[in-house]
mmCIF file of all heavy atoms, coordinates in Angstrom:
data_MODEL
# 
_entry.id   MODEL 
# 
loop_
_atom_site.group_PDB 
_atom_site.id 
_atom_site.type_symbol 
_atom_site.label_atom_id 
_atom_site.label_alt_id 
_atom_site.label_comp_id 
_atom_site.label_asym_id 
_atom_site.label_entity_id 
_atom_site.label_seq_id 
_atom_site.pdbx_PDB_ins_code 
_atom_site.Cartn_x 
_atom_site.Cartn_y 
_atom_site.Cartn_z 
_atom_site.occupancy 
_atom_site.B_iso_or_equiv 
_atom_site.pdbx_formal_charge 
_atom_site.auth_seq_id 
_atom_site.auth_comp_id 
_atom_site.auth_asym_id 
_atom_site.auth_atom_id 
_atom_site.pdbx_PDB_model_num 
ATOM 1   N N   . LEU A 1 1  ? 0.825   -1.211 0.000   1.00 0.00 ? 1  LEU A N   1 
ATOM 2   C CA  . LEU A 1 1  ? 0.000   0.000  0.000   1.00 0.00 ? 1  LEU A CA  1 
ATOM 3   C C   . LEU A 1 1  ? 0.858   1.260  0.000   1.00 0.00 ? 1  LEU A C   1 
ATOM 4   O O   . LEU A 1 1  ? 0.530   2.247  -0.675  1.00 0.00 ? 1  LEU A O   1 
ATOM 5   C CB  . LEU A 1 1  ? -0.932  -0.014 1.210   1.00 0.00 ? 1  LEU A CB  1 
ATOM 6   C CG  . LEU A 1 1  ? -1.999  -1.118 1.205   1.00 0.00 ? 1  LEU A CG  1 
ATOM 7   C CD1 . LEU A 1 1  ? -2.797  -1.091 2.501   1.00 0.00 ? 1  LEU A CD1 1 
ATOM 8   C CD2 . LEU A 1 1  ? -2.924  -0.963 0.003   1.00 0.00 ? 1  LEU A CD2 1 
ATOM 9   N N   . GLU A 1 2  ? 1.959   1.240  0.757   1.00 0.00 ? 2  GLU A N   1 
ATOM 10  C CA  . GLU A 1 2  ? 2.846   2.399  0.782   1.00 0.00 ? 2  GLU A CA  1 
ATOM 11  C C   . GLU A 1 2  ? 3.512   2.604  -0.578  1.00 0.00 ? 2  GLU A C   1 
ATOM 12  O O   . GLU A 1 2  ? 3.647   3.740  -1.052  1.00 0.00 ? 2  GLU A O   1 
ATOM 13  C CB  . GLU A 1 2  ? 3.898   2.224  1.867   1.00 0.00 ? 2  GLU A CB  1 
ATOM 14  C CG  . GLU A 1 2  ? 3.335   2.337  3.283   1.00 0.00 ? 2  GLU A CG  1 
ATOM 15  C CD  . GLU A 1 2  ? 4.383   2.075  4.346   1.00 0.00 ? 2  GLU A CD  1 
ATOM 16  O OE1 . GLU A 1 2  ? 5.477   1.578  3.988   1.00 0.00 ? 2  GLU A OE1 1 
ATOM 17  O OE2 . GLU A 1 2  ? 4.121   2.369  5.533   1.00 0.00 ? 2  GLU A OE2 1 
ATOM 18  N N   . GLU A 1 3  ? 3.940   1.519  -1.218  1.00 0.00 ? 3  GLU A N   1 
ATOM 19  C CA  . GLU A 1 3  ? 4.545   1.632  -2.545  1.00 0.00 ? 3  GLU A CA  1 
ATOM 20  C C   . GLU A 1 3  ? 3.534   2.161  -3.561  1.00 0.00 ? 3  GLU A C   1 
ATOM 21  O O   . GLU A 1 3  ? 3.868   2.995  -4.414  1.00 0.00 ? 3  GLU A O   1 
ATOM 22  C CB  . GLU A 1 3  ? 5.085   0.274  -2.987  1.00 0.00 ? 3  GLU A CB  1 
ATOM 23  C CG  . GLU A 1 3  ? 6.288   -0.214 -2.204  1.00 0.00 ? 3  GLU A CG  1 
ATOM 24  C CD  . GLU A 1 3  ? 6.718   -1.603 -2.614  1.00 0.00 ? 3  GLU A CD  1 
ATOM 25  O OE1 . GLU A 1 3  ? 5.978   -2.237 -3.418  1.00 0.00 ? 3  GLU A OE1 1 
ATOM 26  O OE2 . GLU A 1 3  ? 7.783   -2.062 -2.162  1.00 0.00 ? 3  GLU A OE2 1 
ATOM 27  N N   . GLU A 1 4  ? 2.309   1.671  -3.477  1.00 0.00 ? 4  GLU A N   1 
ATOM 28  C CA  . GLU A 1 4  ? 1.277   2.122  -4.408  1.00 0.00 ? 4  GLU A CA  1 
ATOM 29  C C   . GLU A 1 4  ? 0.929   3.587  -4.175  1.00 0.00 ? 4  GLU A C   1 
ATOM 30  O O   . GLU A 1 4  ? 0.655   4.333  -5.124  1.00 0.00 ? 4  GLU A O   1 
ATOM 31  C CB  . GLU A 1 4  ? 0.037   1.251  -4.259  1.00 0.00 ? 4  GLU A CB  1 
ATOM 32  C CG  . GLU A 1 4  ? -1.050  1.530  -5.283  1.00 0.00 ? 4  GLU A CG  1 
ATOM 33  C CD  . GLU A 1 4  ? -0.613  1.246  -6.707  1.00 0.00 ? 4  GLU A CD  1 
ATOM 34  O OE1 . GLU A 1 4  ? 0.289   0.396  -6.888  1.00 0.00 ? 4  GLU A OE1 1 
ATOM 35  O OE2 . GLU A 1 4  ? -1.170  1.884  -7.629  1.00 0.00 ? 4  GLU A OE2 1 
ATOM 36  N N   . LEU A 1 5  ? 0.946   4.010  -2.906  1.00 0.00 ? 5  LEU A N   1 
ATOM 37  C CA  . LEU A 1 5  ? 0.668   5.409  -2.599  1.00 0.00 ? 5  LEU A CA  1 
ATOM 38  C C   . LEU A 1 5  ? 1.725   6.320  -3.227  1.00 0.00 ? 5  LEU A C   1 
ATOM 39  O O   . LEU A 1 5  ? 1.386   7.347  -3.838  1.00 0.00 ? 5  LEU A O   1 
ATOM 40  C CB  . LEU A 1 5  ? 0.624   5.617  -1.086  1.00 0.00 ? 5  LEU A CB  1 
ATOM 41  C CG  . LEU A 1 5  ? 0.395   7.056  -0.613  1.00 0.00 ? 5  LEU A CG  1 
ATOM 42  C CD1 . LEU A 1 5  ? -0.940  7.581  -1.110  1.00 0.00 ? 5  LEU A CD1 1 
ATOM 43  C CD2 . LEU A 1 5  ? 0.472   7.133  0.912   1.00 0.00 ? 5  LEU A CD2 1 
ATOM 44  N N   . VAL A 1 6  ? 2.987   5.944  -3.097  1.00 0.00 ? 6  VAL A N   1 
ATOM 45  C CA  . VAL A 1 6  ? 4.064   6.734  -3.703  1.00 0.00 ? 6  VAL A CA  1 
ATOM 46  C C   . VAL A 1 6  ? 3.897   6.776  -5.220  1.00 0.00 ? 6  VAL A C   1 
ATOM 47  O O   . VAL A 1 6  ? 4.062   7.830  -5.859  1.00 0.00 ? 6  VAL A O   1 
ATOM 48  C CB  . VAL A 1 6  ? 5.432   6.148  -3.320  1.00 0.00 ? 6  VAL A CB  1 
ATOM 49  C CG1 . VAL A 1 6  ? 6.546   6.838  -4.099  1.00 0.00 ? 6  VAL A CG1 1 
ATOM 50  C CG2 . VAL A 1 6  ? 5.673   6.285  -1.825  1.00 0.00 ? 6  VAL A CG2 1 
ATOM 51  N N   . ARG A 1 7  ? 3.533   5.626  -5.813  1.00 0.00 ? 7  ARG A N   1 
ATOM 52  C CA  . ARG A 1 7  ? 3.366   5.566  -7.263  1.00 0.00 ? 7  ARG A CA  1 
ATOM 53  C C   . ARG A 1 7  ? 2.218   6.456  -7.722  1.00 0.00 ? 7  ARG A C   1 
ATOM 54  O O   . ARG A 1 7  ? 2.339   7.191  -8.724  1.00 0.00 ? 7  ARG A O   1 
ATOM 55  C CB  . ARG A 1 7  ? 3.123   4.117  -7.685  1.00 0.00 ? 7  ARG A CB  1 
ATOM 56  C CG  . ARG A 1 7  ? 3.073   3.917  -9.202  1.00 0.00 ? 7  ARG A CG  1 
ATOM 57  C CD  . ARG A 1 7  ? 2.840   2.453  -9.571  1.00 0.00 ? 7  ARG A CD  1 
ATOM 58  N NE  . ARG A 1 7  ? 3.927   1.620  -9.072  1.00 0.00 ? 7  ARG A NE  1 
ATOM 59  C CZ  . ARG A 1 7  ? 3.802   0.748  -8.079  1.00 0.00 ? 7  ARG A CZ  1 
ATOM 60  N NH1 . ARG A 1 7  ? 2.640   0.606  -7.471  1.00 0.00 ? 7  ARG A NH1 1 
ATOM 61  N NH2 . ARG A 1 7  ? 4.829   0.009  -7.691  1.00 0.00 ? 7  ARG A NH2 1 
ATOM 62  N N   . GLN A 1 8  ? 1.093   6.409  -7.007  1.00 0.00 ? 8  GLN A N   1 
ATOM 63  C CA  . GLN A 1 8  ? -0.068  7.203  -7.398  1.00 0.00 ? 8  GLN A CA  1 
ATOM 64  C C   . GLN A 1 8  ? 0.158   8.690  -7.174  1.00 0.00 ? 8  GLN A C   1 
ATOM 65  O O   . GLN A 1 8  ? -0.305  9.529  -7.958  1.00 0.00 ? 8  GLN A O   1 
ATOM 66  C CB  . GLN A 1 8  ? -1.300  6.732  -6.629  1.00 0.00 ? 8  GLN A CB  1 
ATOM 67  C CG  . GLN A 1 8  ? -1.760  5.334  -6.983  1.00 0.00 ? 8  GLN A CG  1 
ATOM 68  C CD  . GLN A 1 8  ? -2.110  5.183  -8.447  1.00 0.00 ? 8  GLN A CD  1 
ATOM 69  O OE1 . GLN A 1 8  ? -2.572  6.136  -9.098  1.00 0.00 ? 8  GLN A OE1 1 
ATOM 70  N NE2 . GLN A 1 8  ? -1.881  3.998  -8.986  1.00 0.00 ? 8  GLN A NE2 1 
ATOM 71  N N   . LEU A 1 9  ? 0.871   9.052  -6.104  1.00 0.00 ? 9  LEU A N   1 
ATOM 72  C CA  . LEU A 1 9  ? 1.192   10.456 -5.877  1.00 0.00 ? 9  LEU A CA  1 
ATOM 73  C C   . LEU A 1 9  ? 2.102   10.995 -6.978  1.00 0.00 ? 9  LEU A C   1 
ATOM 74  O O   . LEU A 1 9  ? 1.938   12.131 -7.437  1.00 0.00 ? 9  LEU A O   1 
ATOM 75  C CB  . LEU A 1 9  ? 1.857   10.627 -4.505  1.00 0.00 ? 9  LEU A CB  1 
ATOM 76  C CG  . LEU A 1 9  ? 0.956   10.440 -3.285  1.00 0.00 ? 9  LEU A CG  1 
ATOM 77  C CD1 . LEU A 1 9  ? 1.776   10.514 -2.003  1.00 0.00 ? 9  LEU A CD1 1 
ATOM 78  C CD2 . LEU A 1 9  ? -0.165  11.480 -3.270  1.00 0.00 ? 9  LEU A CD2 1 
ATOM 79  N N   . GLY A 1 10 ? 3.066   10.182 -7.392  1.00 0.00 ? 10 GLY A N   1 
ATOM 80  C CA  . GLY A 1 10 ? 3.933   10.603 -8.490  1.00 0.00 ? 10 GLY A CA  1 
ATOM 81  C C   . GLY A 1 10 ? 3.176   10.760 -9.789  1.00 0.00 ? 10 GLY A C   1 
ATOM 82  O O   . GLY A 1 10 ? 3.400   11.710 -10.546 1.00 0.00 ? 10 GLY A O   1 
ATOM 83  N N   . ARG A 1 11 ? 2.246   9.834  -10.070 1.00 0.00 ? 11 ARG A N   1 
ATOM 84  C CA  . ARG A 1 11 ? 1.436   9.939  -11.292 1.00 0.00 ? 11 ARG A CA  1 
ATOM 85  C C   . ARG A 1 11 ? 0.549   11.177 -11.246 1.00 0.00 ? 11 ARG A C   1 
ATOM 86  O O   . ARG A 1 11 ? 0.389   11.875 -12.254 1.00 0.00 ? 11 ARG A O   1 
ATOM 87  C CB  . ARG A 1 11 ? 0.588   8.678  -11.441 1.00 0.00 ? 11 ARG A CB  1 
ATOM 88  C CG  . ARG A 1 11 ? -0.332  8.692  -12.661 1.00 0.00 ? 11 ARG A CG  1 
ATOM 89  C CD  . ARG A 1 11 ? -1.138  7.411  -12.732 1.00 0.00 ? 11 ARG A CD  1 
ATOM 90  N NE  . ARG A 1 11 ? -0.272  6.243  -12.893 1.00 0.00 ? 11 ARG A NE  1 
ATOM 91  C CZ  . ARG A 1 11 ? -0.730  4.989  -12.924 1.00 0.00 ? 11 ARG A CZ  1 
ATOM 92  N NH1 . ARG A 1 11 ? -2.034  4.756  -12.792 1.00 0.00 ? 11 ARG A NH1 1 
ATOM 93  N NH2 . ARG A 1 11 ? 0.106   3.986  -13.081 1.00 0.00 ? 11 ARG A NH2 1 
ATOM 94  N N   . ALA A 1 12 ? -0.046  11.446 -10.086 1.00 0.00 ? 12 ALA A N   1 
ATOM 95  C CA  . ALA A 1 12 ? -0.901  12.629 -9.962  1.00 0.00 ? 12 ALA A CA  1 
ATOM 96  C C   . ALA A 1 12 ? -0.108  13.910 -10.166 1.00 0.00 ? 12 ALA A C   1 
ATOM 97  O O   . ALA A 1 12 ? -0.595  14.876 -10.771 1.00 0.00 ? 12 ALA A O   1 
ATOM 98  C CB  . ALA A 1 12 ? -1.582  12.632 -8.588  1.00 0.00 ? 12 ALA A CB  1 
ATOM 99  N N   . ALA A 1 13 ? 1.140   13.932 -9.656  1.00 0.00 ? 13 ALA A N   1 
ATOM 100 C CA  . ALA A 1 13 ? 1.972   15.127 -9.829  1.00 0.00 ? 13 ALA A CA  1 
ATOM 101 C C   . ALA A 1 13 ? 2.351   15.325 -11.294 1.00 0.00 ? 13 ALA A C   1 
ATOM 102 O O   . ALA A 1 13 ? 2.352   16.459 -11.789 1.00 0.00 ? 13 ALA A O   1 
ATOM 103 C CB  . ALA A 1 13 ? 3.224   15.004 -8.963  1.00 0.00 ? 13 ALA A CB  1 
ATOM 104 N N   . ARG A 1 14 ? 2.655   14.233 -11.995 1.00 0.00 ? 14 ARG A N   1 
ATOM 105 C CA  . ARG A 1 14 ? 3.031   14.345 -13.414 1.00 0.00 ? 14 ARG A CA  1 
ATOM 106 C C   . ARG A 1 14 ? 1.852   14.780 -14.277 1.00 0.00 ? 14 ARG A C   1 
ATOM 107 O O   . ARG A 1 14 ? 1.995   15.580 -15.201 1.00 0.00 ? 14 ARG A O   1 
ATOM 108 C CB  . ARG A 1 14 ? 3.576   13.010 -13.924 1.00 0.00 ? 14 ARG A CB  1 
ATOM 109 C CG  . ARG A 1 14 ? 4.938   12.629 -13.372 1.00 0.00 ? 14 ARG A CG  1 
ATOM 110 C CD  . ARG A 1 14 ? 5.537   11.485 -14.176 1.00 0.00 ? 14 ARG A CD  1 
ATOM 111 N NE  . ARG A 1 14 ? 4.663   10.314 -14.179 1.00 0.00 ? 14 ARG A NE  1 
ATOM 112 C CZ  . ARG A 1 14 ? 4.718   9.334  -13.277 1.00 0.00 ? 14 ARG A CZ  1 
ATOM 113 N NH1 . ARG A 1 14 ? 5.595   9.393  -12.295 1.00 0.00 ? 14 ARG A NH1 1 
ATOM 114 N NH2 . ARG A 1 14 ? 3.908   8.295  -13.356 1.00 0.00 ? 14 ARG A NH2 1 
ATOM 115 N N   . ASP A 1 15 ? 0.658   14.227 -13.985 1.00 0.00 ? 15 ASP A N   1 
ATOM 116 C CA  . ASP A 1 15 ? -0.519  14.506 -14.807 1.00 0.00 ? 15 ASP A CA  1 
ATOM 117 C C   . ASP A 1 15 ? -1.348  15.686 -14.303 1.00 0.00 ? 15 ASP A C   1 
ATOM 118 O O   . ASP A 1 15 ? -2.374  16.014 -14.902 1.00 0.00 ? 15 ASP A O   1 
ATOM 119 C CB  . ASP A 1 15 ? -1.417  13.259 -14.874 1.00 0.00 ? 15 ASP A CB  1 
ATOM 120 C CG  . ASP A 1 15 ? -0.701  12.069 -15.499 1.00 0.00 ? 15 ASP A CG  1 
ATOM 121 O OD1 . ASP A 1 15 ? 0.271   12.305 -16.238 1.00 0.00 ? 15 ASP A OD1 1 
ATOM 122 O OD2 . ASP A 1 15 ? -1.115  10.919 -15.251 1.00 0.00 ? 15 ASP A OD2 1 
ATOM 123 N N   . HIS A 1 16 ? -0.894  16.275 -13.167 1.00 0.00 ? 16 HIS A N   1 
ATOM 124 C CA  . HIS A 1 16 ? -1.615  17.413 -12.578 1.00 0.00 ? 16 HIS A CA  1 
ATOM 125 C C   . HIS A 1 16 ? -3.070  17.049 -12.286 1.00 0.00 ? 16 HIS A C   1 
ATOM 126 O O   . HIS A 1 16 ? -4.003  17.791 -12.606 1.00 0.00 ? 16 HIS A O   1 
ATOM 127 C CB  . HIS A 1 16 ? -1.547  18.634 -13.502 1.00 0.00 ? 16 HIS A CB  1 
ATOM 128 C CG  . HIS A 1 16 ? -0.142  19.058 -13.814 1.00 0.00 ? 16 HIS A CG  1 
ATOM 129 N ND1 . HIS A 1 16 ? 0.685   19.670 -12.894 1.00 0.00 ? 16 HIS A ND1 1 
ATOM 130 C CD2 . HIS A 1 16 ? 0.592   18.928 -14.963 1.00 0.00 ? 16 HIS A CD2 1 
ATOM 131 C CE1 . HIS A 1 16 ? 1.858   19.919 -13.465 1.00 0.00 ? 16 HIS A CE1 1 
ATOM 132 N NE2 . HIS A 1 16 ? 1.843   19.474 -14.703 1.00 0.00 ? 16 HIS A NE2 1 
ATOM 133 N N   . ARG A 1 17 ? -3.260  15.904 -11.661 1.00 0.00 ? 17 ARG A N   1 
ATOM 134 C CA  . ARG A 1 17 ? -4.590  15.438 -11.294 1.00 0.00 ? 17 ARG A CA  1 
ATOM 135 C C   . ARG A 1 17 ? -4.683  15.274 -9.779  1.00 0.00 ? 17 ARG A C   1 
ATOM 136 O O   . ARG A 1 17 ? -3.689  14.995 -9.126  1.00 0.00 ? 17 ARG A O   1 
ATOM 137 C CB  . ARG A 1 17 ? -4.900  14.109 -11.973 1.00 0.00 ? 17 ARG A CB  1 
ATOM 138 C CG  . ARG A 1 17 ? -4.993  14.195 -13.496 1.00 0.00 ? 17 ARG A CG  1 
ATOM 139 C CD  . ARG A 1 17 ? -5.328  12.838 -14.078 1.00 0.00 ? 17 ARG A CD  1 
ATOM 140 N NE  . ARG A 1 17 ? -5.455  12.882 -15.540 1.00 0.00 ? 17 ARG A NE  1 
ATOM 141 C CZ  . ARG A 1 17 ? -5.733  11.827 -16.285 1.00 0.00 ? 17 ARG A CZ  1 
ATOM 142 N NH1 . ARG A 1 17 ? -5.908  10.638 -15.704 1.00 0.00 ? 17 ARG A NH1 1 
ATOM 143 N NH2 . ARG A 1 17 ? -5.843  11.943 -17.593 1.00 0.00 ? 17 ARG A NH2 1 
ATOM 144 N N   . PRO A 1 18 ? -5.887  15.442 -9.224  1.00 0.00 ? 18 PRO A N   1 
ATOM 145 C CA  . PRO A 1 18 ? -6.038  15.246 -7.772  1.00 0.00 ? 18 PRO A CA  1 
ATOM 146 C C   . PRO A 1 18 ? -5.975  13.757 -7.415  1.00 0.00 ? 18 PRO A C   1 
ATOM 147 O O   . PRO A 1 18 ? -6.237  12.885 -8.256  1.00 0.00 ? 18 PRO A O   1 
ATOM 148 C CB  . PRO A 1 18 ? -7.422  15.822 -7.484  1.00 0.00 ? 18 PRO A CB  1 
ATOM 149 C CG  . PRO A 1 18 ? -8.154  15.676 -8.781  1.00 0.00 ? 18 PRO A CG  1 
ATOM 150 C CD  . PRO A 1 18 ? -7.130  15.886 -9.869  1.00 0.00 ? 18 PRO A CD  1 
ATOM 151 N N   . VAL A 1 19 ? -5.645  13.478 -6.185  1.00 0.00 ? 19 VAL A N   1 
ATOM 152 C CA  . VAL A 1 19 ? -5.604  12.100 -5.704  1.00 0.00 ? 19 VAL A CA  1 
ATOM 153 C C   . VAL A 1 19 ? -6.213  12.066 -4.299  1.00 0.00 ? 19 VAL A C   1 
ATOM 154 O O   . VAL A 1 19 ? -6.046  13.011 -3.524  1.00 0.00 ? 19 VAL A O   1 
ATOM 155 C CB  . VAL A 1 19 ? -4.156  11.548 -5.680  1.00 0.00 ? 19 VAL A CB  1 
ATOM 156 C CG1 . VAL A 1 19 ? -3.277  12.367 -4.756  1.00 0.00 ? 19 VAL A CG1 1 
ATOM 157 C CG2 . VAL A 1 19 ? -4.139  10.086 -5.271  1.00 0.00 ? 19 VAL A CG2 1 
ATOM 158 N N   . SER A 1 20 ? -6.951  11.005 -4.016  1.00 0.00 ? 20 SER A N   1 
ATOM 159 C CA  . SER A 1 20 ? -7.622  10.885 -2.716  1.00 0.00 ? 20 SER A CA  1 
ATOM 160 C C   . SER A 1 20 ? -7.191  9.590  -2.036  1.00 0.00 ? 20 SER A C   1 
ATOM 161 O O   . SER A 1 20 ? -6.897  8.591  -2.692  1.00 0.00 ? 20 SER A O   1 
ATOM 162 C CB  . SER A 1 20 ? -9.149  10.873 -2.899  1.00 0.00 ? 20 SER A CB  1 
ATOM 163 O OG  . SER A 1 20 ? -9.585  12.060 -3.529  1.00 0.00 ? 20 SER A OG  1 
ATOM 164 N N   . VAL A 1 21 ? -7.160  9.641  -0.715  1.00 0.00 ? 21 VAL A N   1 
ATOM 165 C CA  . VAL A 1 21 ? -6.822  8.472  0.093   1.00 0.00 ? 21 VAL A CA  1 
ATOM 166 C C   . VAL A 1 21 ? -7.956  8.237  1.079   1.00 0.00 ? 21 VAL A C   1 
ATOM 167 O O   . VAL A 1 21 ? -8.363  9.146  1.806   1.00 0.00 ? 21 VAL A O   1 
ATOM 168 C CB  . VAL A 1 21 ? -5.493  8.667  0.856   1.00 0.00 ? 21 VAL A CB  1 
ATOM 169 C CG1 . VAL A 1 21 ? -5.207  7.447  1.734   1.00 0.00 ? 21 VAL A CG1 1 
ATOM 170 C CG2 . VAL A 1 21 ? -4.353  8.905  -0.116  1.00 0.00 ? 21 VAL A CG2 1 
ATOM 171 N N   . LEU A 1 22 ? -8.491  7.025  1.088   1.00 0.00 ? 22 LEU A N   1 
ATOM 172 C CA  . LEU A 1 22 ? -9.589  6.657  1.973   1.00 0.00 ? 22 LEU A CA  1 
ATOM 173 C C   . LEU A 1 22 ? -9.067  5.726  3.061   1.00 0.00 ? 22 LEU A C   1 
ATOM 174 O O   . LEU A 1 22 ? -8.473  4.687  2.754   1.00 0.00 ? 22 LEU A O   1 
ATOM 175 C CB  . LEU A 1 22 ? -10.707 5.969  1.185   1.00 0.00 ? 22 LEU A CB  1 
ATOM 176 C CG  . LEU A 1 22 ? -11.918 5.491  2.001   1.00 0.00 ? 22 LEU A CG  1 
ATOM 177 C CD1 . LEU A 1 22 ? -12.633 6.687  2.626   1.00 0.00 ? 22 LEU A CD1 1 
ATOM 178 C CD2 . LEU A 1 22 ? -12.868 4.692  1.112   1.00 0.00 ? 22 LEU A CD2 1 
ATOM 179 N N   . LEU A 1 23 ? -9.269  6.094  4.306   1.00 0.00 ? 23 LEU A N   1 
ATOM 180 C CA  . LEU A 1 23 ? -8.809  5.303  5.447   1.00 0.00 ? 23 LEU A CA  1 
ATOM 181 C C   . LEU A 1 23 ? -10.018 4.854  6.259   1.00 0.00 ? 23 LEU A C   1 
ATOM 182 O O   . LEU A 1 23 ? -10.831 5.670  6.676   1.00 0.00 ? 23 LEU A O   1 
ATOM 183 C CB  . LEU A 1 23 ? -7.862  6.128  6.330   1.00 0.00 ? 23 LEU A CB  1 
ATOM 184 C CG  . LEU A 1 23 ? -7.334  5.440  7.597   1.00 0.00 ? 23 LEU A CG  1 
ATOM 185 C CD1 . LEU A 1 23 ? -6.483  4.230  7.235   1.00 0.00 ? 23 LEU A CD1 1 
ATOM 186 C CD2 . LEU A 1 23 ? -6.539  6.425  8.445   1.00 0.00 ? 23 LEU A CD2 1 
ATOM 187 N N   . LEU A 1 24 ? -10.136 3.543  6.466   1.00 0.00 ? 24 LEU A N   1 
ATOM 188 C CA  . LEU A 1 24 ? -11.235 2.976  7.237   1.00 0.00 ? 24 LEU A CA  1 
ATOM 189 C C   . LEU A 1 24 ? -10.699 2.416  8.548   1.00 0.00 ? 24 LEU A C   1 
ATOM 190 O O   . LEU A 1 24 ? -9.674  1.737  8.575   1.00 0.00 ? 24 LEU A O   1 
ATOM 191 C CB  . LEU A 1 24 ? -11.929 1.857  6.452   1.00 0.00 ? 24 LEU A CB  1 
ATOM 192 C CG  . LEU A 1 24 ? -12.593 2.249  5.129   1.00 0.00 ? 24 LEU A CG  1 
ATOM 193 C CD1 . LEU A 1 24 ? -13.172 1.018  4.451   1.00 0.00 ? 24 LEU A CD1 1 
ATOM 194 C CD2 . LEU A 1 24 ? -13.672 3.290  5.366   1.00 0.00 ? 24 LEU A CD2 1 
ATOM 195 N N   . ASP A 1 25 ? -11.408 2.695  9.614   1.00 0.00 ? 25 ASP A N   1 
ATOM 196 C CA  . ASP A 1 25 ? -11.034 2.184  10.938  1.00 0.00 ? 25 ASP A CA  1 
ATOM 197 C C   . ASP A 1 25 ? -12.211 1.395  11.492  1.00 0.00 ? 25 ASP A C   1 
ATOM 198 O O   . ASP A 1 25 ? -13.309 1.939  11.667  1.00 0.00 ? 25 ASP A O   1 
ATOM 199 C CB  . ASP A 1 25 ? -10.676 3.346  11.864  1.00 0.00 ? 25 ASP A CB  1 
ATOM 200 C CG  . ASP A 1 25 ? -10.182 2.853  13.227  1.00 0.00 ? 25 ASP A CG  1 
ATOM 201 O OD1 . ASP A 1 25 ? -9.727  1.690  13.286  1.00 0.00 ? 25 ASP A OD1 1 
ATOM 202 O OD2 . ASP A 1 25 ? -10.265 3.614  14.202  1.00 0.00 ? 25 ASP A OD2 1 
ATOM 203 N N   . VAL A 1 26 ? -11.991 0.112  11.732  1.00 0.00 ? 26 VAL A N   1 
ATOM 204 C CA  . VAL A 1 26 ? -13.056 -0.761 12.236  1.00 0.00 ? 26 VAL A CA  1 
ATOM 205 C C   . VAL A 1 26 ? -13.024 -0.739 13.760  1.00 0.00 ? 26 VAL A C   1 
ATOM 206 O O   . VAL A 1 26 ? -12.004 -1.071 14.377  1.00 0.00 ? 26 VAL A O   1 
ATOM 207 C CB  . VAL A 1 26 ? -12.878 -2.196 11.714  1.00 0.00 ? 26 VAL A CB  1 
ATOM 208 C CG1 . VAL A 1 26 ? -13.996 -3.092 12.246  1.00 0.00 ? 26 VAL A CG1 1 
ATOM 209 C CG2 . VAL A 1 26 ? -12.871 -2.206 10.195  1.00 0.00 ? 26 VAL A CG2 1 
# 
């Protein structure tokens, strides 16, 4: 999940698109 977060943040920065993170706590 941490690796994917870094990858998606980098993609969002390159494409100038927003990115959202959803955190669930049971």
